[in-house]
Amino acid sequence: MDVPMIISIEGADATGKSSVAQFLCERLEEEGYEVLFLREPGSTGLGERVRALLLHDESLSLGVRAELFLYLAARAQLIEELIRPAIKQKKIIVLDRYVDSTLVYQGVVGGLGVEKVLQVMIDFFGVYFPQLTIVLDSDVDVIMQRLRDKDKIESRGREFFEHVVQAYRDLVEIFPERMVLIDSNKDLNWVCDEVWKAIKERL
């Protein structure tokens, strides 16, 4: 089978995405694959500036459409600068957040609609969608306990996180061929084992 070139790690904040992404990159490298780790927004000069603007600038209040196009601008640069060259080099790309965050946060929670946001992304990016998406699912009580230094998004409250968690669950049902839901309430070692099982099925 073909190696999945783009693997994204998704879920609400405080579900363990960064830890799982680190584990996955290390395990893939141990198996002999060349791996590129990226985060969204971020990983390029433009992406890091957009990240600071969207997540940490308390003086700025943006509408959901402005949010959407800032995220898309950062992603366009990420694809041009890093993802496209990595694909040509036959690397596996592991992303901490990617297109499904946009579908959830701007499409569902922001109210723009999954189909509309998906079409915009298809028009923007074409083939640069993940072949596999790991969605880390967690109870909202657990998420609220884990949150510490909150950025602008993480400070939106319990109702917001309930909406995000359910939106991810619904998205897995819409795209079951590429999305795998994993219970991140459990021990990190168990979660990583389940993630690796999902990856191995596609390698």
Protein backbone atom coordinates (compact mmCIF):
# COMPACT_ATOMS: atom_id res chain seq x y z
CA MET A 1 0.00 0.00 0.00
CA ASP A 2 1.02 3.59 -0.52
CA VAL A 3 2.48 5.40 2.48
CA PRO A 4 0.14 8.18 3.66
CA MET A 5 2.00 11.38 2.89
CA ILE A 6 0.01 13.69 5.17
CA ILE A 7 -1.14 12.63 8.64
CA SER A 8 -2.95 15.16 10.83
CA ILE A 9 -3.56 15.04 14.57
CA GLU A 10 -6.81 16.75 15.54
CA GLY A 11 -9.06 17.35 18.53
CA ALA A 12 -10.02 20.02 21.01
CA ASP A 13 -7.33 21.78 23.02
CA ALA A 14 -5.79 19.79 25.89
CA THR A 15 -6.51 16.39 24.34
CA GLY A 16 -2.82 15.51 23.97
CA LYS A 17 -2.20 16.39 20.32
CA SER A 18 1.37 17.61 20.82
CA SER A 19 2.41 14.53 22.82
CA VAL A 20 0.87 12.17 20.28
CA ALA A 21 2.45 14.02 17.36
CA GLN A 22 5.87 13.82 19.02
CA PHE A 23 5.42 10.08 19.66
CA LEU A 24 4.31 9.49 16.08
CA CYS A 25 7.24 11.36 14.53
CA GLU A 26 9.73 9.46 16.68
CA ARG A 27 8.12 6.08 15.95
CA LEU A 28 7.98 6.70 12.19
CA GLU A 29 11.64 7.72 12.17
CA GLU A 30 12.51 4.53 14.10
CA GLU A 31 10.73 2.59 11.34
CA GLY A 32 12.96 4.24 8.75
CA TYR A 33 10.64 6.92 7.35
CA GLU A 34 11.67 10.50 6.71
CA VAL A 35 9.29 12.71 8.68
CA LEU A 36 8.46 16.41 8.70
CA PHE A 37 6.53 17.77 11.71
CA LEU A 38 4.46 20.93 11.28
CA ARG A 39 1.92 22.82 13.35
CA GLU A 40 -1.01 24.98 12.34
CA PRO A 41 -1.07 27.85 12.35
CA GLY A 42 2.72 28.13 12.37
CA SER A 43 5.91 26.54 11.07
CA THR A 44 6.58 29.41 8.62
CA GLY A 45 7.32 33.07 9.22
CA LEU A 46 3.82 34.04 8.11
CA GLY A 47 2.22 31.16 10.00
CA GLU A 48 3.84 32.12 13.30
CA ARG A 49 2.72 35.74 12.88
CA VAL A 50 -0.84 34.60 12.15
CA ARG A 51 -0.67 32.31 15.20
CA ALA A 52 0.36 35.19 17.46
CA LEU A 53 -2.39 37.38 16.01
CA LEU A 54 -5.19 34.83 16.31
CA LEU A 55 -4.28 33.19 19.61
CA HIS A 56 -2.53 35.84 21.69
CA ASP A 57 -3.45 39.37 20.59
CA GLU A 58 -6.07 40.33 23.17
CA SER A 59 -6.57 43.77 21.57
CA LEU A 60 -7.91 42.25 18.34
CA SER A 61 -11.46 41.01 17.83
CA LEU A 62 -12.05 39.19 14.53
CA GLY A 63 -15.16 37.93 12.80
CA VAL A 64 -15.29 34.30 11.74
CA ARG A 65 -14.74 35.09 8.05
CA ALA A 66 -11.61 37.09 8.83
CA GLU A 67 -10.41 34.19 11.02
CA LEU A 68 -11.04 31.74 8.19
CA PHE A 69 -9.00 33.64 5.63
CA LEU A 70 -6.13 34.30 8.03
CA TYR A 71 -5.90 30.56 8.70
CA LEU A 72 -6.10 29.84 4.99
CA ALA A 73 -3.37 32.37 4.21
CA ALA A 74 -1.08 30.71 6.75
CA ARG A 75 -1.91 27.29 5.28
CA ALA A 76 -1.28 28.45 1.71
CA GLN A 77 2.21 29.53 2.74
CA LEU A 78 2.76 26.27 4.65
CA ILE A 79 1.86 24.22 1.58
CA GLU A 80 3.97 26.31 -0.78
CA GLU A 81 7.02 26.55 1.47
CA LEU A 82 7.10 23.19 3.27
CA ILE A 83 4.42 20.63 2.40
CA ARG A 84 4.83 20.57 -1.37
CA PRO A 85 8.63 20.14 -1.22
CA ALA A 86 8.30 17.45 1.46
CA ILE A 87 5.87 15.47 -0.70
CA LYS A 88 8.32 15.61 -3.61
CA GLN A 89 10.99 14.28 -1.24
CA LYS A 90 8.69 11.36 -0.26
CA LYS A 91 8.54 12.42 3.39
CA ILE A 92 5.66 11.67 5.72
CA ILE A 93 4.20 14.94 7.00
CA VAL A 94 2.74 14.96 10.51
CA LEU A 95 0.63 18.00 11.40
CA ASP A 96 -0.59 19.21 14.77
CA ARG A 97 -3.91 20.57 13.41
CA TYR A 98 -4.75 20.99 9.74
CA VAL A 99 -7.82 21.23 7.51
CA ASP A 100 -10.26 19.59 9.95
CA SER A 101 -9.62 22.28 12.55
CA THR A 102 -10.92 24.76 9.99
CA LEU A 103 -13.99 22.63 9.30
CA VAL A 104 -14.72 22.39 13.03
CA TYR A 105 -13.85 25.86 14.34
CA GLN A 106 -14.95 28.05 11.44
CA GLY A 107 -17.32 25.66 9.65
CA VAL A 108 -19.32 24.17 12.53
CA VAL A 109 -18.66 26.25 15.65
CA GLY A 110 -18.28 29.50 13.68
CA GLY A 111 -21.44 28.78 11.72
CA LEU A 112 -20.08 29.11 8.17
CA GLY A 113 -21.01 25.52 7.32
CA VAL A 114 -18.82 22.47 6.67
CA GLU A 115 -19.69 22.24 2.96
CA LYS A 116 -18.96 25.90 2.29
CA VAL A 117 -15.63 25.87 4.13
CA LEU A 118 -14.67 22.56 2.53
CA GLN A 119 -15.34 23.95 -0.93
CA VAL A 120 -13.22 27.03 -0.22
CA MET A 121 -10.35 24.79 0.91
CA ILE A 122 -10.68 22.54 -2.15
CA ASP A 123 -10.54 25.64 -4.36
CA PHE A 124 -7.48 26.88 -2.45
CA PHE A 125 -5.50 23.68 -1.97
CA GLY A 126 -6.75 20.92 -4.25
CA VAL A 127 -4.95 17.67 -3.41
CA TYR A 128 -3.22 18.80 -0.22
CA PHE A 129 -5.59 17.06 2.18
CA PRO A 130 -4.58 14.44 4.77
CA GLN A 131 -4.72 10.77 3.88
CA LEU A 132 -5.16 9.97 7.59
CA THR A 133 -6.51 12.08 10.44
CA ILE A 134 -6.28 10.99 14.07
CA VAL A 135 -8.98 12.69 16.18
CA LEU A 136 -8.24 12.66 19.91
CA ASP A 137 -11.57 12.59 21.71
CA SER A 138 -11.93 13.65 25.34
CA ASP A 139 -14.62 14.44 27.89
CA VAL A 140 -15.10 18.17 28.36
CA ASP A 141 -14.58 17.80 32.14
CA VAL A 142 -11.12 16.38 31.44
CA ILE A 143 -10.33 19.16 28.98
CA MET A 144 -11.32 21.86 31.45
CA GLN A 145 -9.10 20.30 34.13
CA ARG A 146 -6.10 20.10 31.81
CA LEU A 147 -6.21 23.69 30.53
CA ARG A 148 -3.62 25.91 32.20
CA ASP A 149 -2.17 28.97 30.44
CA LYS A 150 -5.13 29.75 28.20
CA ASP A 151 -4.88 31.52 24.87
CA LYS A 152 -7.83 33.39 23.30
CA ILE A 153 -9.48 30.25 21.97
CA GLU A 154 -8.89 28.19 25.11
CA SER A 155 -10.58 30.90 27.21
CA ARG A 156 -13.99 30.61 25.51
CA GLY A 157 -15.58 28.39 28.15
CA ARG A 158 -17.25 25.04 28.63
CA GLU A 159 -20.10 25.46 26.13
CA PHE A 160 -17.58 26.28 23.41
CA PHE A 161 -15.58 23.11 24.13
CA GLU A 162 -18.72 20.97 24.18
CA HIS A 163 -19.52 22.26 20.70
CA VAL A 164 -15.96 21.59 19.47
CA VAL A 165 -15.84 18.03 20.85
CA GLN A 166 -19.18 17.12 19.29
CA ALA A 167 -18.23 18.73 15.99
CA TYR A 168 -15.15 16.51 15.76
CA ARG A 169 -17.22 13.40 16.52
CA ASP A 170 -19.69 14.36 13.81
CA LEU A 171 -16.87 14.99 11.34
CA VAL A 172 -15.49 11.47 11.88
CA GLU A 173 -18.88 10.11 10.81
CA ILE A 174 -18.81 12.26 7.68
CA PHE A 175 -15.26 11.20 6.68
CA PRO A 176 -14.80 7.68 8.13
CA GLU A 177 -12.49 6.63 5.30
CA ARG A 178 -9.69 8.90 6.53
CA MET A 179 -10.59 9.84 10.13
CA VAL A 180 -10.03 7.68 13.21
CA LEU A 181 -11.48 8.60 16.62
CA ILE A 182 -9.33 7.66 19.65
CA ASP A 183 -10.28 8.07 23.32
CA SER A 184 -7.67 10.43 24.81
CA ASN A 185 -9.13 10.25 28.32
CA LYS A 186 -7.02 7.15 28.80
CA ASP A 187 -3.33 6.69 29.62
CA LEU A 188 -0.98 8.31 27.09
CA ASN A 189 0.80 5.02 26.41
CA TRP A 190 -2.54 3.39 25.54
CA VAL A 191 -3.45 6.32 23.29
CA CYS A 192 -0.10 6.12 21.48
CA ASP A 193 -0.53 2.37 20.98
CA GLU A 194 -3.94 2.94 19.40
CA VAL A 195 -2.55 5.69 17.19
CA TRP A 196 0.23 3.41 15.98
CA LYS A 197 -2.26 0.63 15.22
CA ALA A 198 -4.22 3.05 13.04
CA ILE A 199 -1.02 4.11 11.25
CA LYS A 200 0.23 0.55 10.72
CA GLU A 201 -3.01 -0.40 8.97
CA ARG A 202 -2.16 2.15 6.30
CA LEU A 203 1.60 1.60 5.94
